[in-house]
């Protein structure tokens, strides 16, 4: 089963008491770097020997320096940072050498740790099928590709993993509202454990699912939203305003679909809207990416926004969205909605 794993406060030591070590027999440069990223993700948020550079406690870091906010994952008791870190963008954007990948991976994890991040997202597909330990994982996510299995098998498998103490909660990724309800119904019918969250794409140009469908699921069955791609694969950064830079993701062969999207008529319209949004960002004293991430966070139905980043500078900038969140007043949100012209209407809107 293909899954993505969200990790929170873990112990650095394995069951035998030894510290986790990276294998030296990785099959290739990229896979080796991915494996190290996964290892660091599993030990992050620990209370062992993984010590922040400034040797400050988690409470001091989040309270005095970063302002990181924590929200419940759906209606579960799991508290997660409102900003999380994902590895997808890092490994699918880097073609540097082994040492460079290792160094950047460690820098990203350290910056995230010191900023109060306790949610790290990864998937076996990112590491070409390499398996990771389930020891002390807090949440396991079943991807859309798992839907080739029967409903009861998926829910039973997740219930087994939880009952064995391998994880505490499970969620879904890119499932439709109907599919999530089906899984919930199966869980209730056979006395199994239902999902607590859905991973969904959410950004300025993709709103329907998170703003209309998932709120209904939250109120009915307690499923929360863990969102990804807040910058729409880099489109919202503004770097594609004058074309496709050679070093950008859209210039890679594997991202031809992204290049086509950017160069399309809709893509050009989006760039025009981003120019207008840049004026709002300037007025608030932030960058366009920070405005976009803060816009996602202003939705209280979102438990956490997963940041995809390829270098420390981007991560630091995106984490700065926490400081912009208090500035997202109803007036600013309405101004953004006016520019975008894509605000979805819920049943509540129609009733009013």
C-alpha atoms as a PDB file:
ATOM      1  CA  UNK A   1       0.000   0.000   0.000  1.00  0.00           C
ATOM      2  CA  UNK A   2       1.335   3.425  -0.916  1.00  0.00           C
ATOM      3  CA  UNK A   3       1.113   5.767   2.047  1.00  0.00           C
ATOM      4  CA  UNK A   4       2.414   9.087   3.200  1.00  0.00           C
ATOM      5  CA  UNK A   5       3.513   9.478   6.792  1.00  0.00           C
ATOM      6  CA  UNK A   6       3.021  12.445   9.085  1.00  0.00           C
ATOM      7  CA  UNK A   7       5.454  12.355  11.995  1.00  0.00           C
ATOM      8  CA  UNK A   8       5.292  14.180  15.309  1.00  0.00           C
ATOM      9  CA  UNK A   9       7.253  14.070  18.549  1.00  0.00           C
ATOM     10  CA  UNK A  10       9.383  10.925  18.403  1.00  0.00           C
ATOM     11  CA  UNK A  11      12.165   9.314  20.346  1.00  0.00           C
ATOM     12  CA  UNK A  12      15.557   9.233  18.683  1.00  0.00           C
ATOM     13  CA  UNK A  13      16.218   5.749  19.980  1.00  0.00           C
ATOM     14  CA  UNK A  14      15.000   2.527  18.454  1.00  0.00           C
ATOM     15  CA  UNK A  15      13.529  -0.363  20.417  1.00  0.00           C
ATOM     16  CA  UNK A  16      16.987  -1.679  21.247  1.00  0.00           C
ATOM     17  CA  UNK A  17      17.993   1.687  22.735  1.00  0.00           C
ATOM     18  CA  UNK A  18      20.431   2.510  19.948  1.00  0.00           C
ATOM     19  CA  UNK A  19      20.295   5.798  18.120  1.00  0.00           C
ATOM     20  CA  UNK A  20      18.843   5.680  14.613  1.00  0.00           C
ATOM     21  CA  UNK A  21      21.594   5.569  11.984  1.00  0.00           C
ATOM     22  CA  UNK A  22      21.508   6.027   8.222  1.00  0.00           C
ATOM     23  CA  UNK A  23      22.415   2.997   6.162  1.00  0.00           C
ATOM     24  CA  UNK A  24      25.530   3.357   4.025  1.00  0.00           C
ATOM     25  CA  UNK A  25      24.230   0.984   1.372  1.00  0.00           C
ATOM     26  CA  UNK A  26      21.716   3.279  -0.360  1.00  0.00           C
ATOM     27  CA  UNK A  27      21.195   2.271  -4.003  1.00  0.00           C
ATOM     28  CA  UNK A  28      21.831   5.717  -5.488  1.00  0.00           C
ATOM     29  CA  UNK A  29      22.605   9.335  -4.774  1.00  0.00           C
ATOM     30  CA  UNK A  30      19.035  10.612  -4.822  1.00  0.00           C
ATOM     31  CA  UNK A  31      17.581   7.579  -3.045  1.00  0.00           C
ATOM     32  CA  UNK A  32      20.282   7.864  -0.400  1.00  0.00           C
ATOM     33  CA  UNK A  33      19.432  11.505   0.196  1.00  0.00           C
ATOM     34  CA  UNK A  34      15.738  10.671   0.342  1.00  0.00           C
ATOM     35  CA  UNK A  35      16.466   7.943   2.869  1.00  0.00           C
ATOM     36  CA  UNK A  36      18.337  10.402   5.056  1.00  0.00           C
ATOM     37  CA  UNK A  37      15.522  12.932   4.812  1.00  0.00           C
ATOM     38  CA  UNK A  38      13.087  10.204   5.885  1.00  0.00           C
ATOM     39  CA  UNK A  39      15.336   9.217   8.799  1.00  0.00           C
ATOM     40  CA  UNK A  40      15.599  12.806   9.983  1.00  0.00           C
ATOM     41  CA  UNK A  41      11.828  13.205   9.586  1.00  0.00           C
ATOM     42  CA  UNK A  42      11.237  10.207  11.819  1.00  0.00           C
ATOM     43  CA  UNK A  43      13.500  11.518  14.581  1.00  0.00           C
ATOM     44  CA  UNK A  44      12.436  15.151  14.321  1.00  0.00           C
ATOM     45  CA  UNK A  45      10.516  16.698  17.212  1.00  0.00           C
ATOM     46  CA  UNK A  46      12.337  14.372  19.591  1.00  0.00           C
ATOM     47  CA  UNK A  47      13.643  14.955  23.067  1.00  0.00           C
ATOM     48  CA  UNK A  48      16.867  13.069  22.485  1.00  0.00           C
ATOM     49  CA  UNK A  49      20.181  14.135  20.999  1.00  0.00           C
ATOM     50  CA  UNK A  50      18.686  16.056  18.050  1.00  0.00           C
ATOM     51  CA  UNK A  51      19.374  19.488  19.553  1.00  0.00           C
ATOM     52  CA  UNK A  52      18.518  22.835  17.924  1.00  0.00           C
ATOM     53  CA  UNK A  53      21.438  25.085  17.133  1.00  0.00           C
ATOM     54  CA  UNK A  54      20.483  27.623  19.771  1.00  0.00           C
ATOM     55  CA  UNK A  55      19.797  25.015  22.475  1.00  0.00           C
ATOM     56  CA  UNK A  56      16.417  26.477  23.374  1.00  0.00           C
ATOM     57  CA  UNK A  57      13.420  24.503  24.515  1.00  0.00           C
ATOM     58  CA  UNK A  58      10.435  23.844  22.292  1.00  0.00           C
ATOM     59  CA  UNK A  59       8.272  26.103  24.447  1.00  0.00           C
ATOM     60  CA  UNK A  60      10.753  28.981  24.244  1.00  0.00           C
ATOM     61  CA  UNK A  61      11.192  28.491  20.499  1.00  0.00           C
ATOM     62  CA  UNK A  62       7.511  28.554  19.659  1.00  0.00           C
ATOM     63  CA  UNK A  63       6.433  31.089  22.249  1.00  0.00           C
ATOM     64  CA  UNK A  64       9.131  33.728  22.038  1.00  0.00           C
ATOM     65  CA  UNK A  65      10.650  33.385  18.595  1.00  0.00           C
ATOM     66  CA  UNK A  66       8.313  31.916  15.990  1.00  0.00           C
ATOM     67  CA  UNK A  67       4.714  32.324  17.057  1.00  0.00           C
ATOM     68  CA  UNK A  68       3.893  28.897  15.629  1.00  0.00           C
ATOM     69  CA  UNK A  69       0.259  27.960  16.147  1.00  0.00           C
ATOM     70  CA  UNK A  70      -1.045  24.468  16.887  1.00  0.00           C
ATOM     71  CA  UNK A  71      -4.402  23.038  15.880  1.00  0.00           C
ATOM     72  CA  UNK A  72      -6.190  19.753  16.386  1.00  0.00           C
ATOM     73  CA  UNK A  73      -6.064  17.373  13.429  1.00  0.00           C
ATOM     74  CA  UNK A  74      -9.769  17.231  12.689  1.00  0.00           C
ATOM     75  CA  UNK A  75     -11.675  16.358  15.853  1.00  0.00           C
ATOM     76  CA  UNK A  76      -8.906  14.041  17.045  1.00  0.00           C
ATOM     77  CA  UNK A  77      -6.727  14.802  20.052  1.00  0.00           C
ATOM     78  CA  UNK A  78      -3.597  15.139  17.917  1.00  0.00           C
ATOM     79  CA  UNK A  79      -2.156  18.672  18.026  1.00  0.00           C
ATOM     80  CA  UNK A  80      -0.154  19.607  14.944  1.00  0.00           C
ATOM     81  CA  UNK A  81       1.689  22.746  13.913  1.00  0.00           C
ATOM     82  CA  UNK A  82      -0.361  24.836  11.506  1.00  0.00           C
ATOM     83  CA  UNK A  83       2.597  24.659   9.116  1.00  0.00           C
ATOM     84  CA  UNK A  84       4.159  21.303   8.221  1.00  0.00           C
ATOM     85  CA  UNK A  85       7.089  20.259   6.038  1.00  0.00           C
ATOM     86  CA  UNK A  86       6.824  17.903   3.056  1.00  0.00           C
ATOM     87  CA  UNK A  87       9.677  16.278   1.147  1.00  0.00           C
ATOM     88  CA  UNK A  88       8.095  15.981  -2.307  1.00  0.00           C
ATOM     89  CA  UNK A  89       9.325  19.296  -3.715  1.00  0.00           C
ATOM     90  CA  UNK A  90      12.812  18.802  -2.315  1.00  0.00           C
ATOM     91  CA  UNK A  91      13.574  15.461  -3.916  1.00  0.00           C
ATOM     92  CA  UNK A  92      11.806  16.079  -7.186  1.00  0.00           C
ATOM     93  CA  UNK A  93      13.512  19.438  -7.677  1.00  0.00           C
ATOM     94  CA  UNK A  94      17.117  18.645  -6.707  1.00  0.00           C
ATOM     95  CA  UNK A  95      19.691  17.143  -9.034  1.00  0.00           C
ATOM     96  CA  UNK A  96      22.733  18.135  -6.963  1.00  0.00           C
ATOM     97  CA  UNK A  97      25.372  15.796  -5.633  1.00  0.00           C
ATOM     98  CA  UNK A  98      25.034  13.555  -2.601  1.00  0.00           C
ATOM     99  CA  UNK A  99      26.707  15.844  -0.058  1.00  0.00           C
ATOM    100  CA  UNK A 100      24.687  18.831  -1.220  1.00  0.00           C
ATOM    101  CA  UNK A 101      21.408  16.906  -0.879  1.00  0.00           C
ATOM    102  CA  UNK A 102      22.377  15.735   2.604  1.00  0.00           C
ATOM    103  CA  UNK A 103      23.337  19.220   3.751  1.00  0.00           C
ATOM    104  CA  UNK A 104      20.200  20.889   2.413  1.00  0.00           C
ATOM    105  CA  UNK A 105      17.979  18.162   3.878  1.00  0.00           C
ATOM    106  CA  UNK A 106      19.484  18.645   7.329  1.00  0.00           C
ATOM    107  CA  UNK A 107      19.217  22.422   7.055  1.00  0.00           C
ATOM    108  CA  UNK A 108      15.528  22.176   6.164  1.00  0.00           C
ATOM    109  CA  UNK A 109      14.768  19.851   9.062  1.00  0.00           C
ATOM    110  CA  UNK A 110      16.692  22.017  11.535  1.00  0.00           C
ATOM    111  CA  UNK A 111      14.977  25.214  10.404  1.00  0.00           C
ATOM    112  CA  UNK A 112      11.575  23.537  10.619  1.00  0.00           C
ATOM    113  CA  UNK A 113      12.345  22.088  14.064  1.00  0.00           C
ATOM    114  CA  UNK A 114      13.515  25.394  15.473  1.00  0.00           C
ATOM    115  CA  UNK A 115      10.449  27.095  14.058  1.00  0.00           C
ATOM    116  CA  UNK A 116       8.125  24.833  16.030  1.00  0.00           C
ATOM    117  CA  UNK A 117       7.090  22.509  13.196  1.00  0.00           C
ATOM    118  CA  UNK A 118       5.961  19.105  14.482  1.00  0.00           C
ATOM    119  CA  UNK A 119       4.420  17.740  11.285  1.00  0.00           C
ATOM    120  CA  UNK A 120       6.624  16.121   8.639  1.00  0.00           C
ATOM    121  CA  UNK A 121       5.127  14.484   5.568  1.00  0.00           C
ATOM    122  CA  UNK A 122       6.783  11.840   3.404  1.00  0.00           C
ATOM    123  CA  UNK A 123       5.770   8.891   1.236  1.00  0.00           C
ATOM    124  CA  UNK A 124       7.312   5.623   0.145  1.00  0.00           C
ATOM    125  CA  UNK A 125       6.888   6.647  -3.484  1.00  0.00           C
ATOM    126  CA  UNK A 126       9.328   9.519  -2.923  1.00  0.00           C
ATOM    127  CA  UNK A 127      12.031   7.032  -1.947  1.00  0.00           C
ATOM    128  CA  UNK A 128      11.381   4.575  -4.779  1.00  0.00           C
ATOM    129  CA  UNK A 129       9.617   2.090  -2.551  1.00  0.00           C
ATOM    130  CA  UNK A 130      12.048   2.139   0.394  1.00  0.00           C
ATOM    131  CA  UNK A 131      10.170   1.240   3.540  1.00  0.00           C
ATOM    132  CA  UNK A 132      10.404   3.219   6.760  1.00  0.00           C
ATOM    133  CA  UNK A 133       9.856   2.162  10.328  1.00  0.00           C
ATOM    134  CA  UNK A 134       6.409   2.754  11.790  1.00  0.00           C
ATOM    135  CA  UNK A 135       7.761   3.068  15.313  1.00  0.00           C
ATOM    136  CA  UNK A 136       6.202   6.042  17.120  1.00  0.00           C
ATOM    137  CA  UNK A 137       4.468   7.493  14.061  1.00  0.00           C
ATOM    138  CA  UNK A 138       1.440   9.559  14.968  1.00  0.00           C
ATOM    139  CA  UNK A 139      -0.483   9.569  11.690  1.00  0.00           C
ATOM    140  CA  UNK A 140      -0.604   7.348   8.600  1.00  0.00           C
ATOM    141  CA  UNK A 141      -2.121   8.616   5.360  1.00  0.00           C
ATOM    142  CA  UNK A 142      -3.712   6.363   2.722  1.00  0.00           C
ATOM    143  CA  UNK A 143      -3.202   7.815  -0.743  1.00  0.00           C
ATOM    144  CA  UNK A 144      -5.762   7.825  -3.537  1.00  0.00           C
ATOM    145  CA  UNK A 145      -3.924   4.941  -5.199  1.00  0.00           C
ATOM    146  CA  UNK A 146      -5.001   2.695  -2.322  1.00  0.00           C
ATOM    147  CA  UNK A 147      -8.544   2.833  -3.673  1.00  0.00           C
ATOM    148  CA  UNK A 148      -7.815  -0.129  -5.952  1.00  0.00           C
ATOM    149  CA  UNK A 149      -8.394  -2.182  -2.792  1.00  0.00           C
ATOM    150  CA  UNK A 150     -11.797  -2.942  -1.307  1.00  0.00           C
ATOM    151  CA  UNK A 151     -13.064  -0.449   1.259  1.00  0.00           C
ATOM    152  CA  UNK A 152     -13.158  -2.875   4.156  1.00  0.00           C
ATOM    153  CA  UNK A 153      -9.570  -3.989   3.480  1.00  0.00           C
ATOM    154  CA  UNK A 154      -8.275  -0.420   3.629  1.00  0.00           C
ATOM    155  CA  UNK A 155     -10.110   0.397   6.858  1.00  0.00           C
ATOM    156  CA  UNK A 156      -9.235  -2.967   8.433  1.00  0.00           C
ATOM    157  CA  UNK A 157      -5.547  -2.514   7.530  1.00  0.00           C
ATOM    158  CA  UNK A 158      -5.440   0.941   9.091  1.00  0.00           C
ATOM    159  CA  UNK A 159      -7.287  -0.272  12.185  1.00  0.00           C
ATOM    160  CA  UNK A 160      -4.781  -3.129  12.540  1.00  0.00           C
ATOM    161  CA  UNK A 161      -1.818  -0.723  12.326  1.00  0.00           C
ATOM    162  CA  UNK A 162      -3.351   1.449  15.057  1.00  0.00           C
ATOM    163  CA  UNK A 163      -4.280  -1.492  17.303  1.00  0.00           C
ATOM    164  CA  UNK A 164      -0.718  -2.792  17.016  1.00  0.00           C
ATOM    165  CA  UNK A 165       0.552   0.496  18.378  1.00  0.00           C
ATOM    166  CA  UNK A 166       2.392   1.429  15.169  1.00  0.00           C
ATOM    167  CA  UNK A 167       0.508   4.717  14.805  1.00  0.00           C
ATOM    168  CA  UNK A 168      -2.283   6.586  16.530  1.00  0.00           C
ATOM    169  CA  UNK A 169      -4.444   7.919  13.700  1.00  0.00           C
ATOM    170  CA  UNK A 170      -4.970   7.477   9.982  1.00  0.00           C
ATOM    171  CA  UNK A 171      -6.175   9.745   7.232  1.00  0.00           C
ATOM    172  CA  UNK A 172      -6.713   9.942   3.496  1.00  0.00           C
ATOM    173  CA  UNK A 173      -5.108  11.809   0.618  1.00  0.00           C
ATOM    174  CA  UNK A 174      -6.897  13.012  -2.524  1.00  0.00           C
ATOM    175  CA  UNK A 175     -10.059  11.052  -1.714  1.00  0.00           C
ATOM    176  CA  UNK A 176     -13.437  12.432  -2.689  1.00  0.00           C
ATOM    177  CA  UNK A 177     -15.985  13.337  -0.029  1.00  0.00           C
ATOM    178  CA  UNK A 178     -18.060  10.319  -1.057  1.00  0.00           C
ATOM    179  CA  UNK A 179     -15.079   7.981  -0.701  1.00  0.00           C
ATOM    180  CA  UNK A 180     -14.289   9.323   2.761  1.00  0.00           C
ATOM    181  CA  UNK A 181     -17.906   8.868   3.823  1.00  0.00           C
ATOM    182  CA  UNK A 182     -17.801   5.293   2.508  1.00  0.00           C
ATOM    183  CA  UNK A 183     -14.710   4.564   4.613  1.00  0.00           C
ATOM    184  CA  UNK A 184     -16.424   6.103   7.644  1.00  0.00           C
ATOM    185  CA  UNK A 185     -19.540   3.982   7.070  1.00  0.00           C
ATOM    186  CA  UNK A 186     -17.467   0.805   6.801  1.00  0.00           C
ATOM    187  CA  UNK A 187     -15.658   1.691  10.025  1.00  0.00           C
ATOM    188  CA  UNK A 188     -18.908   2.220  11.874  1.00  0.00           C
ATOM    189  CA  UNK A 189     -20.506  -0.920  10.434  1.00  0.00           C
ATOM    190  CA  UNK A 190     -17.665  -3.242  11.452  1.00  0.00           C
ATOM    191  CA  UNK A 191     -16.543  -1.409  14.621  1.00  0.00           C
ATOM    192  CA  UNK A 192     -13.299  -0.227  13.018  1.00  0.00           C
ATOM    193  CA  UNK A 193     -11.409   3.068  13.220  1.00  0.00           C
ATOM    194  CA  UNK A 194     -12.386   5.829  10.746  1.00  0.00           C
ATOM    195  CA  UNK A 195     -10.002   8.410   9.207  1.00  0.00           C
ATOM    196  CA  UNK A 196      -9.421  11.728  10.988  1.00  0.00           C
ATOM    197  CA  UNK A 197      -8.132  13.887   8.133  1.00  0.00           C
ATOM    198  CA  UNK A 198      -7.917  14.360   4.379  1.00  0.00           C
ATOM    199  CA  UNK A 199      -4.885  15.698   2.531  1.00  0.00           C
ATOM    200  CA  UNK A 200      -6.128  18.028  -0.198  1.00  0.00           C
ATOM    201  CA  UNK A 201      -4.655  20.543  -2.626  1.00  0.00           C
ATOM    202  CA  UNK A 202      -5.497  24.072  -1.527  1.00  0.00           C
ATOM    203  CA  UNK A 203      -4.302  27.434  -2.765  1.00  0.00           C
ATOM    204  CA  UNK A 204      -5.575  30.697  -4.227  1.00  0.00           C
ATOM    205  CA  UNK A 205      -6.651  29.008  -7.454  1.00  0.00           C
ATOM    206  CA  UNK A 206      -7.939  25.710  -5.978  1.00  0.00           C
ATOM    207  CA  UNK A 207     -10.653  26.199  -3.365  1.00  0.00           C
ATOM    208  CA  UNK A 208     -13.820  24.122  -3.905  1.00  0.00           C
ATOM    209  CA  UNK A 209     -12.930  20.943  -2.014  1.00  0.00           C
ATOM    210  CA  UNK A 210     -11.423  22.525   1.089  1.00  0.00           C
ATOM    211  CA  UNK A 211     -13.914  25.367   1.425  1.00  0.00           C
ATOM    212  CA  UNK A 212     -17.135  23.546   0.530  1.00  0.00           C
ATOM    213  CA  UNK A 213     -16.823  19.756   0.772  1.00  0.00           C
ATOM    214  CA  UNK A 214     -14.459  19.218   3.709  1.00  0.00           C
ATOM    215  CA  UNK A 215     -16.247  21.553   6.166  1.00  0.00           C
ATOM    216  CA  UNK A 216     -19.348  19.384   5.827  1.00  0.00           C
ATOM    217  CA  UNK A 217     -17.280  16.270   6.558  1.00  0.00           C
ATOM    218  CA  UNK A 218     -15.736  17.966   9.577  1.00  0.00           C
ATOM    219  CA  UNK A 219     -19.106  18.761  11.100  1.00  0.00           C
ATOM    220  CA  UNK A 220     -20.592  15.356  10.238  1.00  0.00           C
ATOM    221  CA  UNK A 221     -17.766  12.945  11.040  1.00  0.00           C
ATOM    222  CA  UNK A 222     -14.867  15.039  12.382  1.00  0.00           C
ATOM    223  CA  UNK A 223     -12.512  14.774   9.384  1.00  0.00           C
ATOM    224  CA  UNK A 224     -10.033  17.673   9.265  1.00  0.00           C
ATOM    225  CA  UNK A 225      -8.029  19.143   6.390  1.00  0.00           C
ATOM    226  CA  UNK A 226      -4.273  18.851   5.948  1.00  0.00           C
ATOM    227  CA  UNK A 227      -3.556  20.862   2.797  1.00  0.00           C
ATOM    228  CA  UNK A 228      -0.670  20.838   0.343  1.00  0.00           C
ATOM    229  CA  UNK A 229       0.715  22.948  -2.519  1.00  0.00           C
ATOM    230  CA  UNK A 230      -0.123  26.381  -1.035  1.00  0.00           C
ATOM    231  CA  UNK A 231       1.958  28.002  -3.789  1.00  0.00           C
ATOM    232  CA  UNK A 232       0.471  25.908  -6.621  1.00  0.00           C
ATOM    233  CA  UNK A 233       3.756  24.206  -7.572  1.00  0.00           C
ATOM    234  CA  UNK A 234       5.540  27.562  -7.506  1.00  0.00           C
ATOM    235  CA  UNK A 235       3.072  29.401  -9.754  1.00  0.00           C
ATOM    236  CA  UNK A 236       2.056  31.747  -6.932  1.00  0.00           C
ATOM    237  CA  UNK A 237       5.661  32.786  -6.201  1.00  0.00           C
ATOM    238  CA  UNK A 238       5.548  35.078  -9.229  1.00  0.00           C
ATOM    239  CA  UNK A 239       8.696  33.609 -10.758  1.00  0.00           C
ATOM    240  CA  UNK A 240       6.807  32.616 -13.914  1.00  0.00           C
ATOM    241  CA  UNK A 241       5.606  36.135 -14.620  1.00  0.00           C
ATOM    242  CA  UNK A 242       7.980  36.575 -17.564  1.00  0.00           C
ATOM    243  CA  UNK A 243       8.201  32.979 -18.770  1.00  0.00           C
ATOM    244  CA  UNK A 244       9.871  29.776 -17.588  1.00  0.00           C
ATOM    245  CA  UNK A 245      13.251  30.285 -15.836  1.00  0.00           C
ATOM    246  CA  UNK A 246      15.829  27.619 -16.721  1.00  0.00           C
ATOM    247  CA  UNK A 247      16.379  26.596 -13.110  1.00  0.00           C
ATOM    248  CA  UNK A 248      12.673  26.314 -12.276  1.00  0.00           C
ATOM    249  CA  UNK A 249      10.637  23.171 -11.760  1.00  0.00           C
ATOM    250  CA  UNK A 250       8.551  23.899 -14.858  1.00  0.00           C
ATOM    251  CA  UNK A 251      11.693  23.696 -16.995  1.00  0.00           C
ATOM    252  CA  UNK A 252      12.185  20.000 -16.118  1.00  0.00           C
ATOM    253  CA  UNK A 253      10.994  17.347 -18.563  1.00  0.00           C
ATOM    254  CA  UNK A 254       8.975  15.581 -15.893  1.00  0.00           C
ATOM    255  CA  UNK A 255       7.052  18.809 -15.291  1.00  0.00           C
ATOM    256  CA  UNK A 256       5.949  19.476 -18.856  1.00  0.00           C
ATOM    257  CA  UNK A 257       2.366  19.497 -17.587  1.00  0.00           C
ATOM    258  CA  UNK A 258       3.233  22.409 -15.289  1.00  0.00           C
ATOM    259  CA  UNK A 259       4.859  24.335 -18.121  1.00  0.00           C
ATOM    260  CA  UNK A 260       1.786  23.819 -20.308  1.00  0.00           C
ATOM    261  CA  UNK A 261      -0.440  25.019 -17.481  1.00  0.00           C
ATOM    262  CA  UNK A 262       1.612  28.170 -16.946  1.00  0.00           C
ATOM    263  CA  UNK A 263       1.728  29.020 -20.650  1.00  0.00           C
ATOM    264  CA  UNK A 264      -2.004  28.434 -21.187  1.00  0.00           C
ATOM    265  CA  UNK A 265      -4.594  31.198 -21.343  1.00  0.00           C
ATOM    266  CA  UNK A 266      -5.738  30.417 -17.814  1.00  0.00           C
ATOM    267  CA  UNK A 267      -2.115  30.523 -16.688  1.00  0.00           C
ATOM    268  CA  UNK A 268      -1.654  34.006 -18.126  1.00  0.00           C
ATOM    269  CA  UNK A 269      -4.833  35.161 -16.378  1.00  0.00           C
ATOM    270  CA  UNK A 270      -3.501  33.798 -13.100  1.00  0.00           C
ATOM    271  CA  UNK A 271      -0.243  35.725 -13.508  1.00  0.00           C
ATOM    272  CA  UNK A 272      -2.225  38.914 -14.071  1.00  0.00           C
ATOM    273  CA  UNK A 273      -4.136  38.321 -10.833  1.00  0.00           C
ATOM    274  CA  UNK A 274      -0.888  37.644  -8.988  1.00  0.00           C
ATOM    275  CA  UNK A 275       0.373  41.078 -10.031  1.00  0.00           C
ATOM    276  CA  UNK A 276      -2.639  42.626  -8.305  1.00  0.00           C
ATOM    277  CA  UNK A 277      -2.176  40.440  -5.235  1.00  0.00           C
ATOM    278  CA  UNK A 278       1.459  41.556  -5.037  1.00  0.00           C
ATOM    279  CA  UNK A 279       0.197  45.062  -4.211  1.00  0.00           C
ATOM    280  CA  UNK A 280      -1.717  43.674  -1.229  1.00  0.00           C
ATOM    281  CA  UNK A 281       1.392  41.822  -0.083  1.00  0.00           C
ATOM    282  CA  UNK A 282       3.407  45.019  -0.342  1.00  0.00           C
ATOM    283  CA  UNK A 283       0.781  46.870   1.692  1.00  0.00           C
ATOM    284  CA  UNK A 284       0.988  44.207   4.418  1.00  0.00           C
ATOM    285  CA  UNK A 285       4.787  44.262   4.392  1.00  0.00           C
ATOM    286  CA  UNK A 286       5.208  40.663   3.249  1.00  0.00           C
ATOM    287  CA  UNK A 287       6.095  38.683   0.134  1.00  0.00           C
ATOM    288  CA  UNK A 288       3.557  37.156  -2.253  1.00  0.00           C
ATOM    289  CA  UNK A 289       4.338  33.579  -1.092  1.00  0.00           C
ATOM    290  CA  UNK A 290       3.855  34.624   2.548  1.00  0.00           C
ATOM    291  CA  UNK A 291       0.515  36.191   1.673  1.00  0.00           C
ATOM    292  CA  UNK A 292      -0.581  33.015  -0.134  1.00  0.00           C
ATOM    293  CA  UNK A 293       0.359  30.736   2.785  1.00  0.00           C
ATOM    294  CA  UNK A 294      -1.258  33.058   5.323  1.00  0.00           C
ATOM    295  CA  UNK A 295      -4.390  33.082   3.154  1.00  0.00           C
ATOM    296  CA  UNK A 296      -4.539  29.289   3.469  1.00  0.00           C
ATOM    297  CA  UNK A 297      -4.020  29.492   7.237  1.00  0.00           C
ATOM    298  CA  UNK A 298      -6.811  32.039   7.675  1.00  0.00           C
ATOM    299  CA  UNK A 299      -9.213  29.138   7.003  1.00  0.00           C
ATOM    300  CA  UNK A 300      -9.868  27.756  10.485  1.00  0.00           C
ATOM    301  CA  UNK A 301     -11.009  24.477   8.951  1.00  0.00           C
ATOM    302  CA  UNK A 302      -7.422  23.781   7.879  1.00  0.00           C
ATOM    303  CA  UNK A 303      -5.493  21.873  10.530  1.00  0.00           C
ATOM    304  CA  UNK A 304      -2.114  22.275   8.851  1.00  0.00           C
ATOM    305  CA  UNK A 305      -0.598  23.570   5.609  1.00  0.00           C
ATOM    306  CA  UNK A 306       2.238  21.428   4.224  1.00  0.00           C
ATOM    307  CA  UNK A 307       5.080  23.500   2.807  1.00  0.00           C
ATOM    308  CA  UNK A 308       6.987  22.179  -0.192  1.00  0.00           C
ATOM    309  CA  UNK A 309      10.404  23.787  -0.460  1.00  0.00           C
ATOM    310  CA  UNK A 310      13.704  23.093  -2.169  1.00  0.00           C
ATOM    311  CA  UNK A 311      16.068  25.324  -0.190  1.00  0.00           C
ATOM    312  CA  UNK A 312      16.441  26.903   3.264  1.00  0.00           C
ATOM    313  CA  UNK A 313      15.738  30.426   2.009  1.00  0.00           C
ATOM    314  CA  UNK A 314      12.333  29.411   0.650  1.00  0.00           C
ATOM    315  CA  UNK A 315      11.439  27.572   3.845  1.00  0.00           C
ATOM    316  CA  UNK A 316      12.399  30.514   6.043  1.00  0.00           C
ATOM    317  CA  UNK A 317      10.356  32.853   3.874  1.00  0.00           C
ATOM    318  CA  UNK A 318       7.295  30.588   3.882  1.00  0.00           C
ATOM    319  CA  UNK A 319       7.446  30.060   7.650  1.00  0.00           C
ATOM    320  CA  UNK A 320       7.241  33.831   7.940  1.00  0.00           C
ATOM    321  CA  UNK A 321       3.584  33.544   6.926  1.00  0.00           C
ATOM    322  CA  UNK A 322       2.849  32.977  10.631  1.00  0.00           C
ATOM    323  CA  UNK A 323       3.617  36.662  11.216  1.00  0.00           C
ATOM    324  CA  UNK A 324       1.256  37.692   8.404  1.00  0.00           C
ATOM    325  CA  UNK A 325      -1.713  35.665   9.676  1.00  0.00           C
ATOM    326  CA  UNK A 326      -2.903  38.334  12.194  1.00  0.00           C
ATOM    327  CA  UNK A 327      -3.041  40.815   9.306  1.00  0.00           C
ATOM    328  CA  UNK A 328      -5.528  38.687   7.342  1.00  0.00           C
ATOM    329  CA  UNK A 329      -8.568  40.731   8.314  1.00  0.00           C
ATOM    330  CA  UNK A 330     -11.994  40.270   6.783  1.00  0.00           C
ATOM    331  CA  UNK A 331     -11.330  43.356   4.669  1.00  0.00           C
ATOM    332  CA  UNK A 332      -8.074  41.941   3.279  1.00  0.00           C
ATOM    333  CA  UNK A 333      -9.679  38.549   2.600  1.00  0.00           C
ATOM    334  CA  UNK A 334     -12.576  40.251   0.789  1.00  0.00           C
ATOM    335  CA  UNK A 335     -10.099  42.246  -1.282  1.00  0.00           C
ATOM    336  CA  UNK A 336      -8.301  39.059  -2.265  1.00  0.00           C
ATOM    337  CA  UNK A 337     -11.587  37.361  -3.134  1.00  0.00           C
ATOM    338  CA  UNK A 338     -12.510  40.295  -5.363  1.00  0.00           C
ATOM    339  CA  UNK A 339      -9.261  39.952  -7.302  1.00  0.00           C
ATOM    340  CA  UNK A 340      -9.486  36.171  -7.617  1.00  0.00           C
ATOM    341  CA  UNK A 341     -13.180  36.059  -8.483  1.00  0.00           C
ATOM    342  CA  UNK A 342     -13.341  32.351  -7.664  1.00  0.00           C
ATOM    343  CA  UNK A 343     -14.875  32.169  -4.202  1.00  0.00           C
ATOM    344  CA  UNK A 344     -16.975  28.983  -4.071  1.00  0.00           C
ATOM    345  CA  UNK A 345     -20.472  29.101  -2.639  1.00  0.00           C
ATOM    346  CA  UNK A 346     -21.493  26.665   0.050  1.00  0.00           C
ATOM    347  CA  UNK A 347     -25.009  25.554   0.976  1.00  0.00           C
ATOM    348  CA  UNK A 348     -24.899  28.113   3.769  1.00  0.00           C
ATOM    349  CA  UNK A 349     -24.337  30.899   1.240  1.00  0.00           C
ATOM    350  CA  UNK A 350     -27.315  29.790  -0.824  1.00  0.00           C
ATOM    351  CA  UNK A 351     -29.553  29.626   2.256  1.00  0.00           C
ATOM    352  CA  UNK A 352     -28.600  33.152   3.244  1.00  0.00           C
END
